[in-house]
Protein backbone atom coordinates (compact mmCIF):
# COMPACT_ATOMS: atom_id res chain seq x y z
CA MET A 1 135.33 174.31 62.08
CA ARG A 2 136.64 171.32 60.14
CA LYS A 3 137.40 169.47 63.37
CA PHE A 4 133.86 170.11 64.61
CA ILE A 5 132.26 168.81 61.39
CA LEU A 6 134.64 165.83 61.35
CA GLY A 7 133.72 165.07 64.99
CA VAL A 8 130.02 165.24 64.22
CA LEU A 9 130.43 162.93 61.20
CA VAL A 10 132.51 160.43 63.17
CA GLY A 11 129.88 160.46 65.93
CA LEU A 12 127.11 159.82 63.43
CA VAL A 13 129.03 156.94 61.83
CA ILE A 14 129.76 155.35 65.22
CA SER A 15 126.10 155.76 66.23
CA ALA A 16 124.94 154.17 62.98
CA ILE A 17 127.30 151.21 63.41
CA PHE A 18 126.24 150.71 67.03
CA SER A 19 122.55 150.89 66.08
CA ALA A 20 123.03 148.46 63.20
CA MET A 21 124.63 145.97 65.59
CA CYS A 22 122.14 146.27 68.49
CA ILE A 23 118.70 146.87 66.96
CA PRO A 24 118.38 143.53 65.11
CA GLY A 25 119.15 141.66 68.34
CA LEU A 26 116.48 143.60 70.19
CA ILE A 27 113.92 142.99 67.45
CA ILE A 28 114.63 139.24 67.37
CA SER A 29 114.47 139.01 71.17
CA GLU A 30 111.13 140.86 71.29
CA GLY A 31 109.72 138.74 68.47
CA HIS A 32 110.68 135.52 70.23
CA SER A 33 109.10 136.67 73.48
CA LYS A 34 105.85 137.56 71.67
CA PHE A 35 105.89 134.17 69.93
CA VAL A 36 106.28 132.32 73.25
CA ASP A 37 103.52 134.40 74.87
CA GLY A 38 101.17 133.76 71.94
CA HIS A 39 101.99 130.06 72.01
CA LYS A 40 101.07 129.83 75.70
CA LYS A 41 97.81 131.71 75.13
CA GLY A 42 96.97 129.39 72.24
CA ILE A 43 97.56 126.30 74.36
CA ALA A 44 95.36 127.67 77.15
CA ALA A 45 92.62 128.63 74.67
CA GLY A 46 92.72 125.14 73.15
CA ARG A 47 92.47 123.49 76.56
CA PHE A 48 89.53 125.72 77.54
CA GLU A 49 87.80 124.79 74.29
CA ALA A 50 88.43 121.08 74.95
CA ALA A 51 87.07 121.43 78.51
CA GLU A 52 83.93 123.20 77.25
CA THR A 53 83.36 120.49 74.64
CA LEU A 54 83.79 117.73 77.23
CA GLU A 55 81.46 119.60 79.58
CA LYS A 56 78.74 119.74 76.91
CA GLU A 57 79.17 116.04 76.13
CA PHE A 58 79.58 114.56 79.63
CA GLY A 59 78.32 117.26 82.02
CA HIS A 60 79.54 118.66 85.35
CA TYR A 61 81.06 116.73 88.23
CA ASP A 62 78.37 116.03 90.86
CA TRP A 63 80.80 115.84 93.81
CA LYS A 64 80.03 112.16 94.50
CA GLY A 65 83.10 110.03 95.00
CA PRO A 66 86.80 110.54 94.40
CA TYR A 67 88.21 111.90 91.18
CA THR A 68 91.54 112.18 89.37
CA ILE A 69 92.45 115.46 87.65
CA LEU A 70 93.37 114.82 84.02
CA LEU A 71 93.77 118.42 82.89
CA SER A 72 93.76 121.71 84.76
CA VAL A 73 93.63 125.03 82.92
CA THR A 74 93.95 128.45 84.52
CA GLY A 75 93.86 131.51 82.33
CA GLN A 76 92.48 134.95 81.80
CA VAL A 77 89.26 135.25 79.82
CA SER A 78 88.55 138.67 78.33
CA PHE A 79 85.11 140.18 77.88
CA LEU A 80 83.94 143.56 76.66
CA SER A 81 83.45 144.71 80.23
CA GLY A 82 86.79 143.40 81.49
CA SER A 83 88.56 140.14 82.17
CA VAL A 84 88.39 137.39 84.77
CA VAL A 85 90.62 134.50 85.77
CA LYS A 86 88.95 131.17 85.05
CA THR A 87 89.98 127.68 86.14
CA SER A 88 88.60 124.48 84.68
CA ASN A 89 89.49 120.93 85.67
CA VAL A 90 88.80 117.89 83.52
CA VAL A 91 88.51 114.92 85.86
CA SER A 92 88.15 111.16 85.64
CA ILE A 93 85.60 109.52 87.94
CA GLU A 94 85.23 105.79 88.54
CA THR A 95 81.71 104.73 89.47
CA ASN A 96 80.89 101.01 89.81
CA GLY A 97 83.97 100.13 87.78
CA VAL A 98 83.10 102.51 84.93
CA LYS A 99 85.35 105.49 84.28
CA THR A 100 83.76 108.69 83.00
CA VAL A 101 85.02 112.15 82.25
CA ARG A 102 83.51 115.23 83.88
CA VAL A 103 84.39 118.91 84.13
CA ILE A 104 84.72 121.00 87.28
CA PRO A 105 84.18 124.58 86.08
């Protein structure tokens, strides 16, 4: 009986030591991955906000003439009814020597 109890206690101690060594590494790894994911979502949200502000100020691209893409944002926008993938391009257009900024929603 003593050997059984001693075996159980040794097993518990080994399990506790193993858990104490592994769990902090898993928690740190998960936390870093969530931080990186949140950082990427924040960048995309900021770029969408910038594109919407530029769109309100300068308007849409009217598909006349060539353009240069300055910023392209693709992300998932969530609504109450679901979510959709949205792409916005902020472009530079040169018309008669004047450069303007437009948004292709």
